[in-house]
Amino acid sequence: MSEQSDAAQSYVDAAEETVNRLPASQPAPNSDQYTKPVSQRFLTKDKTVHQLLGGGRAADSALWRDKYLSIGTLVGSTVIWFLLEKSGYTFLTLLCNILMFGVDILFVWANVAALLHRNGPPVPELSLSEEFVTNIARSVRIELNKAMGVARDVALGKDFKLFLKVIALLWVVSTVTSWFNFLTC
């Protein structure tokens, strides 16, 4: 039992260190000491729209500077919208069909390569280390225990403010998600 509390305490200590290193946890400078130069401000006449959008390929695509990339983005997003919205596919159905197609191609490639005495497809060896999985499971267990403790407090009526916050949050999430279809958004 003490190992669990030690692990939980070390996890909390690590989280506190991370929070203390964030810029928001540092004291704010005086307003007279801190003024940005004009060239570093967000909206100025010195910067173009391309620079405001990041200046990379995403900006080129959004501003139609790279016409092939912009057309590819438009066509790709239209195809995805059509597949998800108009044809009746759901996201999981489409994902499974794409994965089945990929597995079919790799299977045929491997068998044809064996017949022709060539190299097969370059599929890497995939494995997860036991340490990695254990660390993930530990982290998830700690967070789930915290969430279940909060849920228990709310269910038993120990914290009325928390109860109202949970109800308000669930209502907001319910309302916002009714506006969108997140599988096809």
Protein backbone atom coordinates (compact mmCIF):
# COMPACT_ATOMS: atom_id res chain seq x y z
CA MET A 1 0.00 0.00 0.00
CA SER A 2 2.88 2.37 0.76
CA GLU A 3 4.33 1.72 -2.72
CA GLN A 4 1.11 3.02 -4.24
CA SER A 5 1.12 6.12 -2.07
CA ASP A 6 4.82 6.72 -2.85
CA ALA A 7 4.13 6.35 -6.58
CA ALA A 8 1.16 8.69 -6.33
CA GLN A 9 3.20 11.24 -4.35
CA SER A 10 6.07 11.13 -6.86
CA TYR A 11 3.54 11.60 -9.66
CA VAL A 12 2.07 14.64 -7.87
CA ASP A 13 5.55 16.07 -7.22
CA ALA A 14 6.48 15.70 -10.88
CA ALA A 15 3.25 17.43 -11.91
CA GLU A 16 3.90 20.32 -9.50
CA GLU A 17 7.42 20.78 -10.90
CA THR A 18 6.03 20.88 -14.43
CA VAL A 19 3.41 23.46 -13.47
CA ASN A 20 5.98 25.62 -11.67
CA ARG A 21 8.15 25.71 -14.80
CA LEU A 22 5.30 27.06 -16.94
CA PRO A 23 5.52 30.75 -17.87
CA ALA A 24 2.13 31.49 -16.30
CA SER A 25 3.44 30.50 -12.87
CA GLN A 26 6.19 33.11 -13.03
CA PRO A 27 5.43 36.60 -11.69
CA ALA A 28 4.36 39.07 -14.36
CA PRO A 29 6.70 41.94 -15.14
CA ASN A 30 5.60 45.53 -14.57
CA SER A 31 3.72 47.02 -17.48
CA ASP A 32 6.26 49.83 -17.89
CA GLN A 33 9.11 47.31 -18.10
CA TYR A 34 7.43 45.10 -20.67
CA THR A 35 6.49 46.51 -24.04
CA LYS A 36 6.80 44.52 -27.21
CA PRO A 37 8.60 46.09 -30.12
CA VAL A 38 6.34 46.94 -33.03
CA SER A 39 7.83 44.14 -35.14
CA GLN A 40 6.77 41.48 -32.59
CA ARG A 41 3.14 42.51 -32.25
CA PHE A 42 0.49 40.26 -33.77
CA LEU A 43 -1.48 42.65 -35.96
CA THR A 44 0.76 45.26 -37.53
CA LYS A 45 1.24 46.68 -40.97
CA ASP A 46 4.74 45.17 -41.00
CA LYS A 47 3.51 41.57 -41.34
CA THR A 48 1.76 40.08 -44.32
CA VAL A 49 -1.16 37.68 -44.06
CA HIS A 50 1.20 34.92 -45.19
CA GLN A 51 3.48 35.63 -42.22
CA LEU A 52 0.49 35.78 -39.83
CA LEU A 53 -0.57 32.30 -41.00
CA GLY A 54 2.86 30.91 -40.23
CA GLY A 55 4.57 31.35 -43.58
CA GLY A 56 4.78 27.63 -44.37
CA ARG A 57 2.95 25.19 -46.61
CA ALA A 58 -0.30 25.65 -44.69
CA ALA A 59 -0.19 29.39 -45.41
CA ASP A 60 0.62 28.69 -49.06
CA SER A 61 -2.37 26.36 -49.27
CA ALA A 62 -4.78 28.72 -47.49
CA LEU A 63 -3.76 31.67 -49.66
CA TRP A 64 -3.70 29.63 -52.90
CA ARG A 65 -0.03 30.40 -53.55
CA ASP A 66 0.66 26.72 -54.24
CA LYS A 67 -2.26 25.94 -56.53
CA TYR A 68 -1.65 22.16 -56.67
CA LEU A 69 -1.52 21.89 -52.88
CA SER A 70 -4.65 24.03 -52.51
CA ILE A 71 -6.57 22.03 -55.12
CA GLY A 72 -5.41 18.77 -53.54
CA THR A 73 -6.56 19.96 -50.12
CA LEU A 74 -9.92 21.07 -51.49
CA VAL A 75 -10.48 17.85 -53.45
CA GLY A 76 -9.32 15.66 -50.56
CA SER A 77 -11.56 17.38 -48.02
CA THR A 78 -14.50 17.22 -50.46
CA VAL A 79 -13.98 13.48 -50.99
CA ILE A 80 -13.77 12.89 -47.24
CA TRP A 81 -16.92 14.98 -46.70
CA PHE A 82 -18.74 13.05 -49.43
CA LEU A 83 -17.65 9.68 -48.04
CA LEU A 84 -18.68 10.56 -44.50
CA GLU A 85 -21.80 12.64 -45.06
CA LYS A 86 -23.48 11.68 -48.31
CA SER A 87 -22.60 8.01 -48.79
CA GLY A 88 -23.59 7.02 -45.26
CA TYR A 89 -20.16 5.87 -44.13
CA THR A 90 -19.20 6.50 -40.55
CA PHE A 91 -15.66 7.33 -39.55
CA LEU A 92 -15.00 3.85 -38.17
CA THR A 93 -16.42 2.16 -41.26
CA LEU A 94 -14.26 4.26 -43.54
CA LEU A 95 -11.18 3.69 -41.36
CA CYS A 96 -11.74 -0.08 -41.34
CA ASN A 97 -12.19 -0.17 -45.12
CA ILE A 98 -8.97 1.81 -45.65
CA LEU A 99 -7.08 -0.53 -43.30
CA MET A 100 -8.54 -3.62 -45.05
CA PHE A 101 -7.42 -2.19 -48.40
CA GLY A 102 -3.91 -1.61 -47.04
CA VAL A 103 -3.69 -5.13 -45.60
CA ASP A 104 -4.90 -6.57 -48.92
CA ILE A 105 -2.20 -4.69 -50.83
CA LEU A 106 0.53 -5.83 -48.43
CA PHE A 107 -0.69 -9.45 -48.60
CA VAL A 108 -0.72 -9.50 -52.41
CA TRP A 109 2.65 -7.72 -52.55
CA ALA A 110 4.25 -10.25 -50.20
CA ASN A 111 2.88 -13.24 -52.15
CA VAL A 112 3.81 -11.87 -55.57
CA ALA A 113 7.29 -10.97 -54.30
CA ALA A 114 7.74 -14.54 -53.03
CA LEU A 115 6.73 -15.93 -56.44
CA LEU A 116 9.12 -13.60 -58.25
CA HIS A 117 11.95 -14.15 -55.73
CA ARG A 118 12.00 -10.47 -54.78
CA ASN A 119 11.98 -8.66 -51.46
CA GLY A 120 8.62 -8.33 -49.74
CA PRO A 121 7.06 -5.14 -48.45
CA PRO A 122 9.09 -3.22 -45.87
CA VAL A 123 6.89 -3.83 -42.82
CA PRO A 124 8.69 -2.96 -39.57
CA GLU A 125 8.64 -5.18 -36.50
CA LEU A 126 6.10 -3.67 -34.13
CA SER A 127 6.23 -4.31 -30.41
CA LEU A 128 5.68 -2.45 -27.17
CA SER A 129 8.05 -2.84 -24.28
CA GLU A 130 6.66 -4.11 -21.00
CA GLU A 131 8.05 -1.07 -19.18
CA PHE A 132 6.26 1.34 -21.55
CA VAL A 133 2.91 -0.44 -21.14
CA THR A 134 3.33 -0.63 -17.36
CA ASN A 135 4.05 3.11 -17.12
CA ILE A 136 1.03 3.96 -19.25
CA ALA A 137 -1.19 1.64 -17.18
CA ARG A 138 0.08 3.21 -13.94
CA SER A 139 -0.63 6.72 -15.17
CA VAL A 140 -4.09 5.80 -16.42
CA ARG A 141 -4.90 4.01 -13.16
CA ILE A 142 -3.95 7.04 -11.07
CA GLU A 143 -6.03 9.41 -13.20
CA LEU A 144 -9.01 7.03 -13.22
CA ASN A 145 -8.85 6.69 -9.43
CA LYS A 146 -8.89 10.49 -9.10
CA ALA A 147 -11.86 10.76 -11.47
CA MET A 148 -13.75 8.00 -9.66
CA GLY A 149 -13.08 9.73 -6.33
CA VAL A 150 -14.52 12.97 -7.68
CA ALA A 151 -17.50 11.08 -9.15
CA ARG A 152 -18.09 9.41 -5.78
CA ASP A 153 -18.02 12.76 -3.98
CA VAL A 154 -20.53 14.17 -6.46
CA ALA A 155 -22.77 11.11 -6.24
CA LEU A 156 -22.79 11.15 -2.43
CA GLY A 157 -23.61 14.86 -2.36
CA LYS A 158 -20.52 15.89 -0.42
CA ASP A 159 -19.68 18.90 -2.61
CA PHE A 160 -22.64 20.91 -3.92
CA LYS A 161 -20.50 23.38 -5.92
CA LEU A 162 -18.75 20.51 -7.69
CA PHE A 163 -22.14 18.94 -8.40
CA LEU A 164 -23.34 22.16 -10.04
CA LYS A 165 -20.11 22.42 -12.06
CA VAL A 166 -20.47 18.85 -13.31
CA ILE A 167 -24.12 19.41 -14.27
CA ALA A 168 -23.26 22.67 -16.04
CA LEU A 169 -20.34 21.09 -17.91
CA LEU A 170 -22.41 18.11 -19.02
CA TRP A 171 -25.21 20.42 -20.18
CA VAL A 172 -22.76 22.59 -22.18
CA VAL A 173 -21.14 19.53 -23.78
CA SER A 174 -24.57 18.12 -24.63
CA THR A 175 -25.69 21.38 -26.20
CA VAL A 176 -22.52 21.97 -28.21
CA THR A 177 -22.34 18.40 -29.49
CA SER A 178 -25.95 18.60 -30.65
CA TRP A 179 -24.86 21.33 -33.08
CA PHE A 180 -22.22 19.18 -34.78
CA ASN A 181 -21.81 15.67 -36.07
CA PHE A 182 -18.26 15.02 -34.88
CA LEU A 183 -17.83 11.93 -37.03
CA THR A 184 -18.24 14.02 -40.16
CA CYS A 185 -17.19 17.46 -38.95
